[in-house]
């Protein structure tokens, strides 16, 4: 990978359905070069595909990230068993002795049940922390009928062409374009690449969990965090405990260390946790299943 590949991945993370002409204008390369790079990223397994992400609260579900400590022994087996759990949608395995597990749940009891299931996989495995994403106060209106069918299709085929969507769903192309534009503009969906961060070379990607002191408000300091996080491509604000999960492109160890040091000098920062991915796995079947229940 080169710098343009990193810029392309970052751009696709916010404009996952943008066409090659738009992407090329932002990157300063030709549309055919953009198309070739996307195909190579998929061929090399760095991008598993593209998927539509949405606010699960529309369907009555919440999201929590848990920090799960494990022993390095039998790590592959442990990760497979974690991913096999019914409500686990993503696993970020750190090169240290823990992983962040994204759990989808509809109440506290189902969250506790999933945590107990995680801790039963292998001994000793313990959940030490919970991180709850900070979401807008207003929940988007739940899509219905053709909008819901469109959302379901995009979970599996995020960058499918208008022509293919029209053919698969039996809708006119103009109707598909109008519905898709509205869902994107209203913030109901965001299409992103599924990036296997551990495969990015030559400079590995890394994550920072920037945890704030409890007396500080995340919203008031979010822009400051982003200004310090040069090279971040995906940012998840957290409300409990307050903080931001930053996914970043690596360039060199000195740059990474400087970024961490800048954060630690801020008075609102409690701690900064560095994570270098050993594996990043996704299970989009959970979100597909959430929508399927509503389609029945």
Protein backbone atom coordinates (compact mmCIF):
# COMPACT_ATOMS: atom_id res chain seq x y z
CA UNK A 1 0.00 0.00 0.00
CA UNK A 2 1.04 3.58 -0.62
CA UNK A 3 -0.18 6.96 0.61
CA UNK A 4 -2.92 7.13 -2.04
CA UNK A 5 -4.31 3.77 -0.89
CA UNK A 6 -4.53 5.10 2.67
CA UNK A 7 -6.22 8.29 1.46
CA UNK A 8 -8.64 6.20 -0.60
CA UNK A 9 -9.57 4.01 2.39
CA UNK A 10 -10.12 7.08 4.56
CA UNK A 11 -12.30 8.69 1.88
CA UNK A 12 -14.33 5.51 1.37
CA UNK A 13 -14.94 5.38 5.12
CA UNK A 14 -17.00 8.57 4.86
CA UNK A 15 -18.12 8.30 1.21
CA UNK A 16 -18.56 4.57 0.77
CA UNK A 17 -20.89 4.86 -2.23
CA UNK A 18 -19.09 7.70 -3.99
CA UNK A 19 -18.31 6.94 -7.63
CA UNK A 20 -14.83 6.78 -9.10
CA UNK A 21 -15.13 10.27 -10.62
CA UNK A 22 -15.80 11.87 -7.23
CA UNK A 23 -13.08 9.85 -5.53
CA UNK A 24 -10.54 10.65 -8.23
CA UNK A 25 -11.25 14.39 -7.94
CA UNK A 26 -10.50 14.26 -4.22
CA UNK A 27 -7.39 12.10 -4.59
CA UNK A 28 -5.83 13.70 -7.67
CA UNK A 29 -5.69 10.46 -9.65
CA UNK A 30 -7.72 9.10 -12.57
CA UNK A 31 -11.06 7.27 -12.15
CA UNK A 32 -9.53 4.13 -13.67
CA UNK A 33 -6.73 4.29 -11.10
CA UNK A 34 -9.33 4.53 -8.31
CA UNK A 35 -11.19 1.52 -9.72
CA UNK A 36 -7.95 -0.48 -9.98
CA UNK A 37 -6.93 0.37 -6.41
CA UNK A 38 -10.32 -0.68 -4.99
CA UNK A 39 -10.13 -3.98 -6.86
CA UNK A 40 -6.60 -4.61 -5.56
CA UNK A 41 -7.60 -3.79 -1.98
CA UNK A 42 -10.42 -6.33 -2.26
CA UNK A 43 -8.23 -8.91 -4.01
CA UNK A 44 -5.59 -8.68 -1.27
CA UNK A 45 -8.24 -9.10 1.45
CA UNK A 46 -7.61 -5.67 2.97
CA UNK A 47 -11.18 -4.69 2.12
CA UNK A 48 -13.63 -7.55 2.67
CA UNK A 49 -16.45 -5.62 1.06
CA UNK A 50 -18.74 -2.67 1.72
CA UNK A 51 -21.71 -2.56 4.06
CA UNK A 52 -24.40 -0.14 5.18
CA UNK A 53 -24.21 0.76 8.86
CA UNK A 54 -27.20 2.23 10.68
CA UNK A 55 -28.42 3.36 14.09
CA UNK A 56 -29.60 0.12 15.68
CA UNK A 57 -31.86 2.06 18.04
CA UNK A 58 -34.28 2.39 15.10
CA UNK A 59 -35.06 -1.29 15.66
CA UNK A 60 -34.88 -1.30 19.46
CA UNK A 61 -31.25 -2.44 19.83
CA UNK A 62 -28.24 -0.86 21.53
CA UNK A 63 -24.48 -1.30 21.11
CA UNK A 64 -21.76 -1.77 23.73
CA UNK A 65 -18.03 -2.42 23.35
CA UNK A 66 -16.48 -4.59 26.03
CA UNK A 67 -12.79 -5.02 26.81
CA UNK A 68 -12.14 -8.75 27.08
CA UNK A 69 -8.84 -9.99 28.54
CA UNK A 70 -7.52 -13.36 27.36
CA UNK A 71 -4.45 -15.58 27.40
CA UNK A 72 -2.45 -15.81 24.15
CA UNK A 73 -2.77 -19.60 24.17
CA UNK A 74 -5.27 -20.87 21.56
CA UNK A 75 -6.02 -17.33 20.39
CA UNK A 76 -7.38 -18.41 16.99
CA UNK A 77 -9.85 -20.78 18.65
CA UNK A 78 -10.89 -18.13 21.18
CA UNK A 79 -11.51 -15.52 18.47
CA UNK A 80 -13.59 -17.98 16.43
CA UNK A 81 -15.72 -18.81 19.46
CA UNK A 82 -16.17 -15.12 20.29
CA UNK A 83 -17.30 -14.42 16.73
CA UNK A 84 -19.68 -17.38 16.87
CA UNK A 85 -21.66 -15.83 19.73
CA UNK A 86 -25.09 -14.73 18.57
CA UNK A 87 -24.89 -11.01 19.38
CA UNK A 88 -21.21 -10.28 18.60
CA UNK A 89 -20.90 -8.11 15.48
CA UNK A 90 -17.21 -7.10 15.52
CA UNK A 91 -14.00 -8.12 17.26
CA UNK A 92 -10.87 -5.97 17.42
CA UNK A 93 -8.03 -8.17 18.70
CA UNK A 94 -5.19 -6.14 20.17
CA UNK A 95 -1.61 -7.42 19.98
CA UNK A 96 -1.52 -7.20 23.77
CA UNK A 97 -3.71 -9.39 25.99
CA UNK A 98 -7.19 -8.06 25.27
CA UNK A 99 -9.75 -7.53 22.54
CA UNK A 100 -12.62 -5.10 22.07
CA UNK A 101 -15.86 -6.92 21.34
CA UNK A 102 -18.90 -5.16 19.89
CA UNK A 103 -22.10 -6.57 21.40
CA UNK A 104 -25.58 -5.86 20.05
CA UNK A 105 -28.30 -6.08 22.70
CA UNK A 106 -31.84 -4.91 23.41
CA UNK A 107 -31.58 -4.51 27.19
CA UNK A 108 -29.13 -4.83 30.07
CA UNK A 109 -30.01 -8.45 30.69
CA UNK A 110 -29.12 -9.51 27.14
CA UNK A 111 -25.86 -7.57 27.50
CA UNK A 112 -25.07 -9.36 30.77
CA UNK A 113 -25.92 -12.68 29.15
CA UNK A 114 -23.48 -12.01 26.29
CA UNK A 115 -20.74 -10.99 28.74
CA UNK A 116 -21.25 -14.21 30.72
CA UNK A 117 -21.03 -16.20 27.48
CA UNK A 118 -17.74 -14.46 26.60
CA UNK A 119 -16.22 -15.21 29.99
CA UNK A 120 -17.19 -18.90 29.71
CA UNK A 121 -15.23 -19.43 26.49
CA UNK A 122 -11.89 -19.94 28.20
CA UNK A 123 -10.44 -19.47 31.65
CA UNK A 124 -9.28 -16.97 32.67
CA UNK A 125 -11.21 -14.57 30.39
CA UNK A 126 -12.69 -11.50 32.03
CA UNK A 127 -14.48 -8.37 30.88
CA UNK A 128 -12.85 -5.38 32.59
CA UNK A 129 -14.54 -2.40 30.92
CA UNK A 130 -17.67 -1.38 29.01
CA UNK A 131 -17.70 1.43 26.44
CA UNK A 132 -21.02 2.85 25.24
CA UNK A 133 -21.02 4.86 21.99
CA UNK A 134 -22.32 8.43 22.11
CA UNK A 135 -25.17 8.70 19.59
CA UNK A 136 -27.39 11.65 18.60
CA UNK A 137 -30.33 12.28 20.93
CA UNK A 138 -32.76 12.00 18.03
CA UNK A 139 -33.23 8.49 16.65
CA UNK A 140 -33.85 8.43 12.87
CA UNK A 141 -37.26 7.30 11.70
CA UNK A 142 -37.27 3.55 11.06
CA UNK A 143 -37.25 2.77 7.32
CA UNK A 144 -40.29 0.91 6.00
CA UNK A 145 -41.35 -1.05 2.95
CA UNK A 146 -39.05 -0.37 -0.04
CA UNK A 147 -36.67 1.75 2.06
CA UNK A 148 -36.26 -1.15 4.47
CA UNK A 149 -35.66 -3.62 1.63
CA UNK A 150 -33.06 -1.23 0.21
CA UNK A 151 -31.30 -0.98 3.57
CA UNK A 152 -31.27 -4.76 3.88
CA UNK A 153 -29.70 -5.16 0.43
CA UNK A 154 -27.03 -2.56 1.19
CA UNK A 155 -25.95 -4.34 4.37
CA UNK A 156 -24.71 -7.14 2.10
CA UNK A 157 -23.83 -5.09 -1.00
CA UNK A 158 -22.90 -1.59 0.09
CA UNK A 159 -21.42 -0.41 -3.22
CA UNK A 160 -23.81 -2.22 -5.55
CA UNK A 161 -24.68 -0.19 -8.64
CA UNK A 162 -28.05 1.52 -9.02
CA UNK A 163 -28.74 -0.83 -11.94
CA UNK A 164 -28.13 -3.93 -9.83
CA UNK A 165 -30.21 -2.64 -6.91
CA UNK A 166 -33.03 -1.80 -9.31
CA UNK A 167 -32.94 -5.28 -10.80
CA UNK A 168 -32.71 -7.11 -7.46
CA UNK A 169 -35.47 -5.12 -5.71
CA UNK A 170 -37.78 -4.61 -8.69
CA UNK A 171 -37.68 -0.81 -8.40
CA UNK A 172 -37.20 1.84 -11.06
CA UNK A 173 -33.66 3.23 -11.16
CA UNK A 174 -34.89 6.78 -10.50
CA UNK A 175 -36.80 5.48 -7.47
CA UNK A 176 -33.69 3.73 -6.14
CA UNK A 177 -31.60 6.88 -6.59
CA UNK A 178 -34.16 9.04 -4.78
CA UNK A 179 -34.55 6.62 -1.87
CA UNK A 180 -30.81 6.06 -1.52
CA UNK A 181 -30.01 9.78 -1.65
CA UNK A 182 -32.61 10.47 1.03
CA UNK A 183 -31.39 7.69 3.36
CA UNK A 184 -27.79 8.94 3.05
CA UNK A 185 -28.67 12.63 3.40
CA UNK A 186 -30.86 11.98 6.46
CA UNK A 187 -28.07 10.04 8.15
CA UNK A 188 -30.11 6.85 8.29
CA UNK A 189 -27.26 4.85 6.75
CA UNK A 190 -23.54 5.18 6.17
CA UNK A 191 -21.77 2.86 3.76
CA UNK A 192 -18.23 1.92 4.80
CA UNK A 193 -15.54 -0.56 3.73
CA UNK A 194 -14.91 -3.54 5.98
CA UNK A 195 -11.18 -3.08 6.50
CA UNK A 196 -8.95 -5.87 7.79
CA UNK A 197 -6.71 -3.41 9.62
CA UNK A 198 -4.09 -5.99 10.58
CA UNK A 199 -3.29 -6.59 6.89
CA UNK A 200 -2.43 -2.97 6.10
CA UNK A 201 1.27 -2.68 5.26
CA UNK A 202 4.00 -1.46 5.30
CA UNK A 203 2.94 0.85 8.14
CA UNK A 204 0.45 -0.88 10.44
CA UNK A 205 -2.77 0.79 11.47
CA UNK A 206 -3.41 1.49 15.14
CA UNK A 207 -6.19 2.61 17.45
CA UNK A 208 -6.28 4.96 20.39
CA UNK A 209 -8.86 4.90 23.15
CA UNK A 210 -8.74 8.46 24.43
CA UNK A 211 -10.55 8.38 27.77
CA UNK A 212 -11.65 11.66 29.34
CA UNK A 213 -12.03 12.68 32.94
CA UNK A 214 -15.61 12.13 34.09
CA UNK A 215 -16.24 15.83 34.74
CA UNK A 216 -15.61 16.69 31.07
CA UNK A 217 -18.20 16.51 28.30
CA UNK A 218 -17.29 14.55 25.17
CA UNK A 219 -19.23 16.82 22.81
CA UNK A 220 -17.42 19.92 24.06
CA UNK A 221 -13.98 18.41 23.40
CA UNK A 222 -14.70 16.18 20.38
CA UNK A 223 -13.41 18.67 17.81
CA UNK A 224 -10.22 19.14 19.85
CA UNK A 225 -9.66 15.37 19.91
CA UNK A 226 -10.05 15.17 16.13
CA UNK A 227 -7.65 18.07 15.58
CA UNK A 228 -4.98 16.16 17.53
CA UNK A 229 -5.68 12.85 15.76
CA UNK A 230 -4.04 13.46 12.39
CA UNK A 231 -4.55 10.46 10.12
CA UNK A 232 -7.62 9.03 11.85
CA UNK A 233 -10.15 7.49 9.47
CA UNK A 234 -12.91 6.34 11.83
CA UNK A 235 -13.87 8.03 15.09
CA UNK A 236 -16.38 6.72 17.62
CA UNK A 237 -17.31 9.10 20.46
CA UNK A 238 -18.09 7.34 23.75
CA UNK A 239 -20.44 8.49 26.49
CA UNK A 240 -19.67 5.91 29.13
CA UNK A 241 -16.93 6.34 30.12
CA UNK A 242 -16.47 9.57 28.15
CA UNK A 243 -13.91 9.39 25.39
CA UNK A 244 -13.25 8.71 21.71
CA UNK A 245 -12.14 5.54 19.93
CA UNK A 246 -9.83 6.64 17.10
CA UNK A 247 -8.81 4.33 14.25
CA UNK A 248 -5.64 5.67 12.61
CA UNK A 249 -3.27 4.99 9.75
CA UNK A 250 0.29 4.42 10.87
CA UNK A 251 3.30 6.14 9.31
CA UNK A 252 6.08 5.72 11.86
CA UNK A 253 6.48 5.02 15.56
CA UNK A 254 7.64 8.56 16.31
CA UNK A 255 4.44 10.04 14.87
CA UNK A 256 2.32 7.62 16.89
CA UNK A 257 4.23 8.42 20.09
CA UNK A 258 3.91 12.16 19.46
CA UNK A 259 0.15 11.85 19.02
CA UNK A 260 -0.18 9.96 22.31
CA UNK A 261 1.98 12.54 24.09
CA UNK A 262 -0.13 15.40 22.72
CA UNK A 263 -3.26 13.80 24.12
CA UNK A 264 -1.70 13.19 27.52
CA UNK A 265 -0.88 16.88 27.82
CA UNK A 266 -4.57 17.82 27.56
CA UNK A 267 -6.26 18.54 30.89
CA UNK A 268 -9.46 16.73 29.90
CA UNK A 269 -7.68 13.42 29.14
CA UNK A 270 -7.64 10.73 31.84
CA UNK A 271 -5.76 8.05 29.90
CA UNK A 272 -4.75 6.99 26.39
CA UNK A 273 -4.82 3.31 25.46
CA UNK A 274 -2.80 2.25 22.39
CA UNK A 275 -4.02 -0.73 20.38
CA UNK A 276 -2.29 -2.36 17.41
CA UNK A 277 -4.59 -4.85 15.65
CA UNK A 278 -3.74 -8.53 15.51
CA UNK A 279 -7.10 -9.24 13.84
CA UNK A 280 -10.23 -7.25 13.01
CA UNK A 281 -13.29 -9.36 12.22
CA UNK A 282 -16.85 -8.41 11.23
CA UNK A 283 -20.18 -10.25 11.29
CA UNK A 284 -22.73 -8.25 9.31
CA UNK A 285 -25.25 -11.10 9.61
CA UNK A 286 -26.42 -9.66 12.93
CA UNK A 287 -27.52 -6.36 11.38
CA UNK A 288 -29.00 -8.26 8.45
CA UNK A 289 -30.99 -10.35 10.92
CA UNK A 290 -32.26 -7.26 12.73
CA UNK A 291 -33.70 -5.95 9.46
CA UNK A 292 -35.03 -9.37 8.43
CA UNK A 293 -37.17 -9.47 11.56
CA UNK A 294 -38.79 -6.19 10.53
CA UNK A 295 -39.33 -7.38 6.96
CA UNK A 296 -41.37 -10.40 8.04
